[in-house]
C-alpha atoms as a PDB file:
ATOM      1  CA  UNK A   1      50.594 -30.143 -29.212  1.00  0.00           C
ATOM      2  CA  UNK A   2      49.145 -32.700 -31.576  1.00  0.00           C
ATOM      3  CA  UNK A   3      47.990 -31.600 -34.966  1.00  0.00           C
ATOM      4  CA  UNK A   4      44.215 -30.884 -35.034  1.00  0.00           C
ATOM      5  CA  UNK A   5      43.979 -30.519 -31.300  1.00  0.00           C
ATOM      6  CA  UNK A   6      42.632 -27.150 -30.252  1.00  0.00           C
ATOM      7  CA  UNK A   7      44.964 -25.338 -27.833  1.00  0.00           C
ATOM      8  CA  UNK A   8      43.516 -24.067 -24.601  1.00  0.00           C
ATOM      9  CA  UNK A   9      45.202 -21.510 -22.518  1.00  0.00           C
ATOM     10  CA  UNK A  10      44.466 -20.983 -18.730  1.00  0.00           C
ATOM     11  CA  UNK A  11      45.481 -17.643 -17.523  1.00  0.00           C
ATOM     12  CA  UNK A  12      45.643 -15.943 -14.141  1.00  0.00           C
ATOM     13  CA  UNK A  13      47.312 -13.043 -12.422  1.00  0.00           C
ATOM     14  CA  UNK A  14      47.435 -11.404  -9.062  1.00  0.00           C
ATOM     15  CA  UNK A  15      46.217  -7.859  -8.368  1.00  0.00           C
ATOM     16  CA  UNK A  16      49.463  -6.227  -9.540  1.00  0.00           C
ATOM     17  CA  UNK A  17      49.276  -7.536 -13.139  1.00  0.00           C
ATOM     18  CA  UNK A  18      45.642  -7.390 -14.245  1.00  0.00           C
ATOM     19  CA  UNK A  19      46.302  -4.987 -17.113  1.00  0.00           C
ATOM     20  CA  UNK A  20      49.060  -7.316 -18.555  1.00  0.00           C
ATOM     21  CA  UNK A  21      46.760 -10.390 -18.099  1.00  0.00           C
ATOM     22  CA  UNK A  22      43.973  -8.692 -20.054  1.00  0.00           C
ATOM     23  CA  UNK A  23      46.429  -7.609 -22.783  1.00  0.00           C
ATOM     24  CA  UNK A  24      47.787 -11.149 -23.115  1.00  0.00           C
ATOM     25  CA  UNK A  25      44.232 -12.565 -23.065  1.00  0.00           C
ATOM     26  CA  UNK A  26      43.191 -10.203 -25.884  1.00  0.00           C
ATOM     27  CA  UNK A  27      46.281 -11.086 -27.876  1.00  0.00           C
ATOM     28  CA  UNK A  28      45.475 -14.774 -27.619  1.00  0.00           C
ATOM     29  CA  UNK A  29      41.728 -14.348 -28.441  1.00  0.00           C
ATOM     30  CA  UNK A  30      42.640 -12.325 -31.554  1.00  0.00           C
ATOM     31  CA  UNK A  31      44.738 -15.387 -32.578  1.00  0.00           C
ATOM     32  CA  UNK A  32      41.591 -17.580 -32.178  1.00  0.00           C
ATOM     33  CA  UNK A  33      42.999 -19.408 -29.122  1.00  0.00           C
ATOM     34  CA  UNK A  34      40.586 -20.457 -26.395  1.00  0.00           C
ATOM     35  CA  UNK A  35      41.411 -18.664 -23.114  1.00  0.00           C
ATOM     36  CA  UNK A  36      40.112 -19.530 -19.714  1.00  0.00           C
ATOM     37  CA  UNK A  37      40.612 -16.639 -17.339  1.00  0.00           C
ATOM     38  CA  UNK A  38      40.540 -17.689 -13.674  1.00  0.00           C
ATOM     39  CA  UNK A  39      41.204 -14.152 -12.187  1.00  0.00           C
ATOM     40  CA  UNK A  40      41.857 -12.050 -10.489  1.00  0.00           C
ATOM     41  CA  UNK A  41      39.639  -9.392 -12.011  1.00  0.00           C
ATOM     42  CA  UNK A  42      40.136  -6.317  -9.821  1.00  0.00           C
ATOM     43  CA  UNK A  43      42.887  -4.519  -7.902  1.00  0.00           C
ATOM     44  CA  UNK A  44      42.009  -5.909  -4.458  1.00  0.00           C
ATOM     45  CA  UNK A  45      44.985  -7.631  -2.874  1.00  0.00           C
ATOM     46  CA  UNK A  46      44.934 -11.404  -3.412  1.00  0.00           C
ATOM     47  CA  UNK A  47      47.181 -14.267  -2.465  1.00  0.00           C
ATOM     48  CA  UNK A  48      49.016 -15.390  -5.674  1.00  0.00           C
ATOM     49  CA  UNK A  49      49.555 -19.023  -4.488  1.00  0.00           C
ATOM     50  CA  UNK A  50      45.785 -19.533  -4.560  1.00  0.00           C
ATOM     51  CA  UNK A  51      45.693 -18.657  -8.277  1.00  0.00           C
ATOM     52  CA  UNK A  52      48.903 -20.662  -9.072  1.00  0.00           C
ATOM     53  CA  UNK A  53      47.426 -23.714  -7.403  1.00  0.00           C
ATOM     54  CA  UNK A  54      44.134 -23.454  -9.301  1.00  0.00           C
ATOM     55  CA  UNK A  55      45.836 -22.942 -12.582  1.00  0.00           C
ATOM     56  CA  UNK A  56      48.311 -25.700 -12.117  1.00  0.00           C
ATOM     57  CA  UNK A  57      45.608 -28.198 -11.212  1.00  0.00           C
ATOM     58  CA  UNK A  58      43.630 -27.112 -14.278  1.00  0.00           C
ATOM     59  CA  UNK A  59      46.617 -27.602 -16.612  1.00  0.00           C
ATOM     60  CA  UNK A  60      47.282 -31.062 -15.205  1.00  0.00           C
ATOM     61  CA  UNK A  61      43.635 -32.073 -15.626  1.00  0.00           C
ATOM     62  CA  UNK A  62      43.476 -30.777 -19.217  1.00  0.00           C
ATOM     63  CA  UNK A  63      46.208 -32.399 -21.326  1.00  0.00           C
ATOM     64  CA  UNK A  64      45.626 -29.956 -24.240  1.00  0.00           C
ATOM     65  CA  UNK A  65      46.389 -26.859 -22.329  1.00  0.00           C
ATOM     66  CA  UNK A  66      49.121 -24.537 -21.153  1.00  0.00           C
ATOM     67  CA  UNK A  67      49.027 -22.032 -18.337  1.00  0.00           C
ATOM     68  CA  UNK A  68      50.136 -18.422 -18.095  1.00  0.00           C
ATOM     69  CA  UNK A  69      50.622 -16.873 -14.708  1.00  0.00           C
ATOM     70  CA  UNK A  70      51.570 -13.228 -14.149  1.00  0.00           C
ATOM     71  CA  UNK A  71      52.451 -11.446 -10.813  1.00  0.00           C
ATOM     72  CA  UNK A  72      54.712  -8.494 -10.129  1.00  0.00           C
ATOM     73  CA  UNK A  73      58.051 -10.199 -10.662  1.00  0.00           C
ATOM     74  CA  UNK A  74      56.833 -13.709 -11.619  1.00  0.00           C
ATOM     75  CA  UNK A  75      58.957 -15.188  -8.829  1.00  0.00           C
ATOM     76  CA  UNK A  76      56.228 -15.961  -6.340  1.00  0.00           C
ATOM     77  CA  UNK A  77      53.837 -17.522  -9.009  1.00  0.00           C
ATOM     78  CA  UNK A  78      56.790 -19.559 -10.333  1.00  0.00           C
ATOM     79  CA  UNK A  79      57.635 -20.926  -6.899  1.00  0.00           C
ATOM     80  CA  UNK A  80      54.043 -21.692  -6.051  1.00  0.00           C
ATOM     81  CA  UNK A  81      52.986 -23.388  -9.375  1.00  0.00           C
ATOM     82  CA  UNK A  82      56.049 -25.599  -9.362  1.00  0.00           C
ATOM     83  CA  UNK A  83      54.870 -27.200  -6.088  1.00  0.00           C
ATOM     84  CA  UNK A  84      52.194 -28.978  -8.179  1.00  0.00           C
ATOM     85  CA  UNK A  85      53.076 -32.472  -9.416  1.00  0.00           C
ATOM     86  CA  UNK A  86      53.379 -32.516 -13.241  1.00  0.00           C
ATOM     87  CA  UNK A  87      53.851 -28.719 -13.581  1.00  0.00           C
ATOM     88  CA  UNK A  88      56.986 -27.364 -15.173  1.00  0.00           C
ATOM     89  CA  UNK A  89      56.528 -23.553 -14.725  1.00  0.00           C
ATOM     90  CA  UNK A  90      59.141 -21.330 -16.161  1.00  0.00           C
ATOM     91  CA  UNK A  91      59.725 -17.709 -15.383  1.00  0.00           C
ATOM     92  CA  UNK A  92      60.473 -16.030 -18.730  1.00  0.00           C
ATOM     93  CA  UNK A  93      61.097 -12.383 -19.182  1.00  0.00           C
ATOM     94  CA  UNK A  94      61.868 -12.434 -22.797  1.00  0.00           C
ATOM     95  CA  UNK A  95      61.291 -14.685 -25.906  1.00  0.00           C
ATOM     96  CA  UNK A  96      64.585 -16.512 -25.720  1.00  0.00           C
ATOM     97  CA  UNK A  97      63.835 -17.694 -22.254  1.00  0.00           C
ATOM     98  CA  UNK A  98      60.444 -18.963 -23.421  1.00  0.00           C
ATOM     99  CA  UNK A  99      61.929 -20.801 -26.354  1.00  0.00           C
ATOM    100  CA  UNK A 100      64.439 -22.567 -24.209  1.00  0.00           C
ATOM    101  CA  UNK A 101      61.924 -23.323 -21.501  1.00  0.00           C
ATOM    102  CA  UNK A 102      59.838 -25.150 -24.101  1.00  0.00           C
ATOM    103  CA  UNK A 103      62.716 -26.823 -26.128  1.00  0.00           C
ATOM    104  CA  UNK A 104      64.801 -27.962 -23.157  1.00  0.00           C
ATOM    105  CA  UNK A 105      62.399 -28.183 -20.300  1.00  0.00           C
ATOM    106  CA  UNK A 106      59.024 -28.911 -21.863  1.00  0.00           C
ATOM    107  CA  UNK A 107      57.545 -26.177 -19.669  1.00  0.00           C
ATOM    108  CA  UNK A 108      53.755 -26.245 -19.467  1.00  0.00           C
ATOM    109  CA  UNK A 109      53.266 -23.021 -17.589  1.00  0.00           C
ATOM    110  CA  UNK A 110      54.715 -19.705 -18.687  1.00  0.00           C
ATOM    111  CA  UNK A 111      55.248 -17.281 -15.770  1.00  0.00           C
ATOM    112  CA  UNK A 112      55.928 -13.560 -16.414  1.00  0.00           C
ATOM    113  CA  UNK A 113      56.602 -10.492 -14.264  1.00  0.00           C
ATOM    114  CA  UNK A 114      54.033  -7.762 -14.912  1.00  0.00           C
ATOM    115  CA  UNK A 115      56.177  -5.123 -13.295  1.00  0.00           C
ATOM    116  CA  UNK A 116      59.311  -6.128 -15.340  1.00  0.00           C
ATOM    117  CA  UNK A 117      57.935  -6.318 -18.827  1.00  0.00           C
ATOM    118  CA  UNK A 118      55.966  -4.262 -21.305  1.00  0.00           C
ATOM    119  CA  UNK A 119      52.875  -5.469 -23.071  1.00  0.00           C
ATOM    120  CA  UNK A 120      54.611  -5.947 -26.361  1.00  0.00           C
ATOM    121  CA  UNK A 121      57.388  -7.937 -24.880  1.00  0.00           C
ATOM    122  CA  UNK A 122      54.946 -10.062 -22.937  1.00  0.00           C
ATOM    123  CA  UNK A 123      52.947 -10.848 -26.108  1.00  0.00           C
ATOM    124  CA  UNK A 124      56.056 -11.730 -27.998  1.00  0.00           C
ATOM    125  CA  UNK A 125      57.199 -13.983 -25.142  1.00  0.00           C
ATOM    126  CA  UNK A 126      53.748 -15.708 -25.054  1.00  0.00           C
ATOM    127  CA  UNK A 127      53.759 -16.259 -28.780  1.00  0.00           C
ATOM    128  CA  UNK A 128      57.248 -17.701 -28.693  1.00  0.00           C
ATOM    129  CA  UNK A 129      56.291 -20.071 -25.819  1.00  0.00           C
ATOM    130  CA  UNK A 130      53.265 -21.341 -27.616  1.00  0.00           C
ATOM    131  CA  UNK A 131      54.894 -21.822 -30.991  1.00  0.00           C
ATOM    132  CA  UNK A 132      57.920 -23.679 -29.621  1.00  0.00           C
ATOM    133  CA  UNK A 133      57.967 -27.493 -29.560  1.00  0.00           C
ATOM    134  CA  UNK A 134      59.811 -29.649 -27.029  1.00  0.00           C
ATOM    135  CA  UNK A 135      62.989 -31.154 -28.538  1.00  0.00           C
ATOM    136  CA  UNK A 136      63.044 -34.359 -26.581  1.00  0.00           C
ATOM    137  CA  UNK A 137      66.209 -36.412 -26.958  1.00  0.00           C
ATOM    138  CA  UNK A 138      68.772 -35.693 -24.288  1.00  0.00           C
ATOM    139  CA  UNK A 139      66.376 -33.098 -22.782  1.00  0.00           C
ATOM    140  CA  UNK A 140      63.708 -35.745 -22.244  1.00  0.00           C
ATOM    141  CA  UNK A 141      66.024 -37.645 -19.954  1.00  0.00           C
ATOM    142  CA  UNK A 142      66.563 -34.490 -17.896  1.00  0.00           C
ATOM    143  CA  UNK A 143      62.850 -33.648 -17.773  1.00  0.00           C
ATOM    144  CA  UNK A 144      62.121 -37.187 -16.601  1.00  0.00           C
ATOM    145  CA  UNK A 145      64.742 -36.756 -13.776  1.00  0.00           C
ATOM    146  CA  UNK A 146      62.844 -33.553 -12.797  1.00  0.00           C
ATOM    147  CA  UNK A 147      59.594 -35.534 -12.679  1.00  0.00           C
ATOM    148  CA  UNK A 148      61.351 -38.175 -10.519  1.00  0.00           C
ATOM    149  CA  UNK A 149      62.095 -35.555  -7.960  1.00  0.00           C
ATOM    150  CA  UNK A 150      58.279 -35.205  -7.385  1.00  0.00           C
ATOM    151  CA  UNK A 151      58.189 -38.752  -6.096  1.00  0.00           C
END
């Protein structure tokens, strides 16, 4: 992120992970980070690809944003969001994964498993993801090759 540019986080979950989404959202708001919550907001069953698609498109259209997706394992959301051109969604279950997703892959969407992580671990993973910068260099060449696969 550029200095002086306000960070915006777009967040969504499926029905299995609403409690974790709310906890992460509160964690971010308490850090004075703007959060856009696109749902879901109750425990009725939903189709996670719908939320992954909406979030991915919002991240692409807002260059000063990152996305956070949460479903039971994170696997479904990760697969779905990575179908959107320009998205590099990374399933991260602990902070070191988040750090490497940012430094090596320039991930713009963090995906987590609500059934696999506790709230403290999720918040720590989010914090690491948002505080970590992309290294560029040899990693930029690799990220560009990933982007080329979208063509």
